[in-house]
């Protein structure tokens, strides 16, 4: 369901740093990974987690902007729940199997009555057995598929309740994703030639599309510094001055018993505090 917006190839799922704490799952253009980067130079690896979070946000925004979208999604889900195509296909295979078995019995009866040449019998019997084995394999595969489909339909019924109650999904759900999304185009180039390798365009089965920047949903790197720019404190705070070894107008350094180093940079009436954890 993931398509490269630069070359049109599909994306494949790849695991990076499998045996370490930095393990992550990315999706990458097949042409770039198999033939070489020069064959699709603009494509980038996209985190699976970012794609999932971007979908949840895209779905939320669409439902928030237009309540009729939920009704459209509900119609699609109901159609999938009521779709009995596979059951009908199974019935056809079972009918074909019954005909083959009937022909096989008649052929055996003719052979027992010596009403058919031995060579002709062997040739026809071999053909019937081959057809029967192929149909049995198809039947087995289809039965397993129907079993999986029934599980999916049960999940869709739960999603249907969510839609009926006008609720918004909070976490990624693959069944929901596959039921309402037709495809996701990864990356695009503007008319002015600007390249957006991390852009995700979700094409929904309702006919609408929505774009999200996957960079906004990337997981934080495990080896990234713990930068906290949201916690600001006033310059005139007396406690800050007490902690400084040398109070100055522009900066001070703070040491604490928890082995953390705080660098406080005075910016007008507020400061930016950055902490680094020592090993």
Protein backbone atom coordinates (compact mmCIF):
# COMPACT_ATOMS: atom_id res chain seq x y z
CA UNK A 1 0.00 0.00 0.00
CA UNK A 2 3.06 2.27 0.17
CA UNK A 3 4.17 3.78 -3.14
CA UNK A 4 7.25 5.88 -3.91
CA UNK A 5 6.22 9.36 -5.03
CA UNK A 6 9.38 9.74 -7.13
CA UNK A 7 9.63 6.53 -9.19
CA UNK A 8 6.29 4.77 -8.59
CA UNK A 9 7.79 1.61 -7.07
CA UNK A 10 6.43 0.07 -3.89
CA UNK A 11 8.23 0.38 -0.55
CA UNK A 12 9.62 -2.59 1.36
CA UNK A 13 9.83 -3.07 5.11
CA UNK A 14 13.38 -3.13 6.50
CA UNK A 15 14.71 -3.51 10.05
CA UNK A 16 17.73 -1.49 11.12
CA UNK A 17 20.07 -2.27 14.05
CA UNK A 18 18.24 -5.55 14.71
CA UNK A 19 20.40 -6.72 17.60
CA UNK A 20 20.78 -3.43 19.46
CA UNK A 21 18.69 -1.04 21.53
CA UNK A 22 18.58 1.24 18.49
CA UNK A 23 16.41 -1.22 16.53
CA UNK A 24 13.85 0.47 14.31
CA UNK A 25 11.64 -0.42 11.36
CA UNK A 26 11.78 1.67 8.20
CA UNK A 27 10.07 1.56 4.84
CA UNK A 28 12.21 2.23 1.76
CA UNK A 29 11.78 2.42 -2.01
CA UNK A 30 12.46 -0.99 -3.56
CA UNK A 31 14.20 0.51 -6.61
CA UNK A 32 16.58 2.49 -4.39
CA UNK A 33 17.45 -0.46 -2.14
CA UNK A 34 17.81 -3.10 -4.88
CA UNK A 35 19.27 -1.16 -7.81
CA UNK A 36 21.05 1.63 -5.98
CA UNK A 37 20.41 5.12 -4.66
CA UNK A 38 21.17 6.73 -8.03
CA UNK A 39 18.06 5.11 -9.53
CA UNK A 40 15.80 6.94 -7.04
CA UNK A 41 18.01 9.61 -5.44
CA UNK A 42 15.26 11.58 -3.68
CA UNK A 43 13.71 8.70 -1.74
CA UNK A 44 14.38 8.37 1.99
CA UNK A 45 13.75 5.73 4.62
CA UNK A 46 10.54 6.47 6.54
CA UNK A 47 9.95 5.19 10.07
CA UNK A 48 7.03 2.77 10.33
CA UNK A 49 5.99 4.40 13.61
CA UNK A 50 5.91 7.81 11.90
CA UNK A 51 3.64 6.50 9.13
CA UNK A 52 1.28 4.99 11.69
CA UNK A 53 1.11 8.16 13.79
CA UNK A 54 0.68 10.31 10.67
CA UNK A 55 -2.30 8.16 9.62
CA UNK A 56 -3.97 8.56 13.03
CA UNK A 57 -3.49 12.34 12.82
CA UNK A 58 -4.71 12.48 9.21
CA UNK A 59 -7.82 10.52 10.15
CA UNK A 60 -8.44 12.80 13.14
CA UNK A 61 -8.10 15.97 11.08
CA UNK A 62 -10.42 14.73 8.35
CA UNK A 63 -13.13 13.70 10.81
CA UNK A 64 -12.78 16.98 12.70
CA UNK A 65 -12.97 19.09 9.55
CA UNK A 66 -15.99 17.32 8.03
CA UNK A 67 -18.36 15.09 9.99
CA UNK A 68 -19.73 13.57 6.76
CA UNK A 69 -16.36 11.85 6.30
CA UNK A 70 -17.26 9.53 9.17
CA UNK A 71 -20.45 8.52 7.36
CA UNK A 72 -18.44 7.78 4.22
CA UNK A 73 -16.00 5.64 6.21
CA UNK A 74 -18.94 3.86 7.85
CA UNK A 75 -20.35 2.96 4.43
CA UNK A 76 -17.01 1.47 3.32
CA UNK A 77 -16.69 -0.58 6.52
CA UNK A 78 -20.25 -1.91 6.18
CA UNK A 79 -19.55 -2.96 2.59
CA UNK A 80 -16.45 -4.88 3.68
CA UNK A 81 -18.28 -6.55 6.56
CA UNK A 82 -21.09 -7.67 4.22
CA UNK A 83 -18.76 -8.80 1.43
CA UNK A 84 -19.19 -12.57 0.95
CA UNK A 85 -17.11 -12.94 -2.22
CA UNK A 86 -14.71 -15.46 -0.69
CA UNK A 87 -17.56 -17.60 0.66
CA UNK A 88 -19.08 -17.68 -2.85
CA UNK A 89 -15.70 -18.67 -4.33
CA UNK A 90 -15.42 -21.49 -1.80
CA UNK A 91 -18.86 -22.75 -2.76
CA UNK A 92 -17.84 -22.86 -6.44
CA UNK A 93 -14.72 -24.88 -5.60
CA UNK A 94 -16.75 -27.32 -3.51
CA UNK A 95 -19.17 -27.83 -6.42
CA UNK A 96 -16.25 -28.48 -8.79
CA UNK A 97 -14.79 -30.96 -6.32
CA UNK A 98 -18.10 -32.85 -6.12
CA UNK A 99 -18.22 -33.12 -9.91
CA UNK A 100 -14.63 -34.41 -10.06
CA UNK A 101 -15.34 -37.00 -7.34
CA UNK A 102 -18.47 -38.13 -9.21
CA UNK A 103 -16.50 -38.52 -12.46
CA UNK A 104 -13.79 -40.43 -10.60
CA UNK A 105 -16.32 -42.93 -9.22
CA UNK A 106 -17.90 -43.51 -12.62
CA UNK A 107 -14.47 -44.05 -14.17
CA UNK A 108 -13.57 -46.59 -11.49
CA UNK A 109 -16.87 -48.44 -12.06
CA UNK A 110 -16.15 -48.63 -15.80
CA UNK A 111 -12.71 -50.00 -15.06
CA UNK A 112 -14.07 -52.64 -12.70
CA UNK A 113 -16.59 -53.72 -15.36
CA UNK A 114 -13.80 -53.92 -17.95
CA UNK A 115 -15.74 -51.40 -20.02
CA UNK A 116 -12.76 -49.15 -20.63
CA UNK A 117 -9.31 -49.67 -22.04
CA UNK A 118 -6.60 -49.84 -19.36
CA UNK A 119 -4.44 -47.17 -20.98
CA UNK A 120 -7.38 -44.80 -21.45
CA UNK A 121 -8.49 -45.41 -17.86
CA UNK A 122 -5.01 -44.65 -16.46
CA UNK A 123 -4.74 -41.44 -18.47
CA UNK A 124 -8.20 -40.14 -17.46
CA UNK A 125 -7.80 -41.21 -13.84
CA UNK A 126 -4.45 -39.40 -13.57
CA UNK A 127 -6.00 -36.25 -15.00
CA UNK A 128 -8.92 -36.35 -12.55
CA UNK A 129 -6.64 -36.90 -9.56
CA UNK A 130 -4.50 -33.93 -10.56
CA UNK A 131 -7.58 -31.69 -10.89
CA UNK A 132 -8.89 -32.90 -7.54
CA UNK A 133 -5.57 -32.19 -5.75
CA UNK A 134 -5.41 -28.68 -7.23
CA UNK A 135 -8.96 -27.95 -6.12
CA UNK A 136 -8.28 -29.31 -2.63
CA UNK A 137 -5.24 -27.02 -2.33
CA UNK A 138 -7.34 -24.04 -3.45
CA UNK A 139 -10.07 -25.01 -0.99
CA UNK A 140 -7.61 -25.23 1.91
CA UNK A 141 -6.03 -21.85 1.07
CA UNK A 142 -9.44 -20.22 0.69
CA UNK A 143 -10.68 -21.63 4.00
CA UNK A 144 -7.65 -20.17 5.80
CA UNK A 145 -8.22 -16.83 4.06
CA UNK A 146 -11.88 -16.82 5.08
CA UNK A 147 -10.85 -17.57 8.67
CA UNK A 148 -8.53 -14.55 8.64
CA UNK A 149 -11.24 -12.47 6.98
CA UNK A 150 -13.71 -13.38 9.72
CA UNK A 151 -11.22 -12.15 12.32
CA UNK A 152 -10.79 -8.90 10.39
CA UNK A 153 -14.56 -8.48 10.10
CA UNK A 154 -14.90 -8.79 13.86
CA UNK A 155 -12.37 -5.98 14.25
CA UNK A 156 -14.23 -3.92 11.66
CA UNK A 157 -17.43 -4.35 13.64
CA UNK A 158 -15.66 -2.81 16.62
CA UNK A 159 -14.46 0.04 14.40
CA UNK A 160 -18.01 0.44 13.11
CA UNK A 161 -19.15 1.13 16.68
CA UNK A 162 -16.43 3.76 16.99
CA UNK A 163 -17.67 5.44 13.80
CA UNK A 164 -21.31 5.25 14.87
CA UNK A 165 -20.44 6.97 18.16
CA UNK A 166 -18.46 9.63 16.26
CA UNK A 167 -15.35 8.72 18.24
CA UNK A 168 -11.76 9.28 17.13
CA UNK A 169 -9.17 6.50 17.15
CA UNK A 170 -6.24 7.17 19.48
CA UNK A 171 -3.80 4.51 18.28
CA UNK A 172 -2.87 2.95 14.95
CA UNK A 173 -5.01 0.00 13.95
CA UNK A 174 -3.94 -1.96 10.89
CA UNK A 175 -7.44 -3.28 10.20
CA UNK A 176 -8.85 0.25 10.23
CA UNK A 177 -5.97 1.50 8.07
CA UNK A 178 -6.42 -1.17 5.40
CA UNK A 179 -10.19 -0.80 5.37
CA UNK A 180 -10.31 2.94 4.60
CA UNK A 181 -6.96 3.71 2.91
CA UNK A 182 -6.36 2.87 -0.74
CA UNK A 183 -2.65 3.75 -0.80
CA UNK A 184 0.01 6.05 0.66
CA UNK A 185 2.35 7.94 -1.66
CA UNK A 186 5.70 8.65 0.01
CA UNK A 187 7.55 11.75 -1.17
CA UNK A 188 6.68 14.40 -3.76
CA UNK A 189 8.15 17.21 -5.85
CA UNK A 190 6.46 20.60 -6.03
CA UNK A 191 5.83 22.42 -9.31
CA UNK A 192 8.76 24.69 -8.47
CA UNK A 193 11.03 21.65 -8.13
CA UNK A 194 11.18 21.56 -4.32
CA UNK A 195 11.69 17.99 -3.09
CA UNK A 196 9.71 16.71 -0.09
CA UNK A 197 11.07 13.19 0.64
CA UNK A 198 9.28 12.84 3.98
CA UNK A 199 5.84 13.86 2.74
CA UNK A 200 3.05 11.26 3.11
CA UNK A 201 -0.10 11.55 1.01
CA UNK A 202 -2.93 9.30 2.20
CA UNK A 203 -5.42 8.35 -0.53
CA UNK A 204 -8.63 7.29 1.20
CA UNK A 205 -11.18 4.98 -0.38
CA UNK A 206 -13.75 7.78 -0.10
CA UNK A 207 -11.90 9.64 -2.85
CA UNK A 208 -10.29 12.27 -0.63
CA UNK A 209 -6.57 12.64 0.09
CA UNK A 210 -4.57 14.25 2.86
CA UNK A 211 -0.86 15.00 3.30
CA UNK A 212 1.27 14.85 6.43
CA UNK A 213 4.98 15.39 7.07
CA UNK A 214 6.38 12.17 8.57
CA UNK A 215 9.19 14.15 10.25
CA UNK A 216 6.58 15.54 12.64
CA UNK A 217 5.87 12.03 13.92
CA UNK A 218 9.34 10.44 14.13
CA UNK A 219 10.33 8.66 17.33
CA UNK A 220 13.01 10.41 19.34
CA UNK A 221 16.47 8.91 18.88
CA UNK A 222 17.51 6.77 21.82
CA UNK A 223 20.93 8.45 21.94
CA UNK A 224 19.54 11.98 21.63
CA UNK A 225 20.32 14.49 24.38
CA UNK A 226 17.48 15.25 26.75
CA UNK A 227 16.87 18.82 25.66
CA UNK A 228 14.05 20.54 27.48
CA UNK A 229 13.34 23.97 26.00
CA UNK A 230 9.87 24.27 27.44
CA UNK A 231 10.87 24.74 31.05
CA UNK A 232 11.83 28.40 31.35
CA UNK A 233 12.67 30.32 34.54
CA UNK A 234 13.00 34.11 35.15
CA UNK A 235 16.42 35.73 35.14
CA UNK A 236 15.72 37.53 38.41
CA UNK A 237 14.98 34.29 40.27
CA UNK A 238 17.03 34.33 43.47
CA UNK A 239 17.42 30.52 43.60
CA UNK A 240 19.16 30.51 40.22
CA UNK A 241 21.70 33.04 41.48
CA UNK A 242 22.38 30.94 44.57
CA UNK A 243 23.14 27.88 42.39
CA UNK A 244 25.61 29.72 40.17
CA UNK A 245 29.27 29.36 41.05
CA UNK A 246 29.94 32.71 39.40
CA UNK A 247 26.94 34.91 38.77
CA UNK A 248 27.22 36.75 35.47
CA UNK A 249 24.83 38.71 33.29
CA UNK A 250 24.98 36.26 30.39
CA UNK A 251 25.47 32.71 31.70
CA UNK A 252 26.14 30.44 34.68
CA UNK A 253 27.04 26.76 35.22
CA UNK A 254 25.28 24.54 37.73
CA UNK A 255 26.43 21.22 39.22
CA UNK A 256 24.19 18.95 41.32
CA UNK A 257 24.67 15.63 43.21
CA UNK A 258 22.65 13.71 40.59
CA UNK A 259 25.55 14.03 38.14
CA UNK A 260 23.61 16.32 35.84
CA UNK A 261 25.10 19.40 34.27
CA UNK A 262 22.74 22.31 33.57
CA UNK A 263 23.74 25.05 31.24
CA UNK A 264 21.57 28.09 31.74
CA UNK A 265 21.66 30.65 29.00
CA UNK A 266 20.04 33.95 29.84
CA UNK A 267 17.78 35.15 27.04
CA UNK A 268 16.23 38.47 27.99
CA UNK A 269 13.67 37.84 30.74
CA UNK A 270 13.70 34.05 30.29
CA UNK A 271 16.26 31.28 29.99
CA UNK A 272 16.70 28.07 28.03
CA UNK A 273 17.71 25.14 30.20
CA UNK A 274 19.55 22.13 28.75
CA UNK A 275 20.41 19.01 30.75
CA UNK A 276 22.96 16.31 29.93
CA UNK A 277 22.92 12.99 31.77
CA UNK A 278 26.42 11.67 32.60
CA UNK A 279 27.13 7.93 32.34
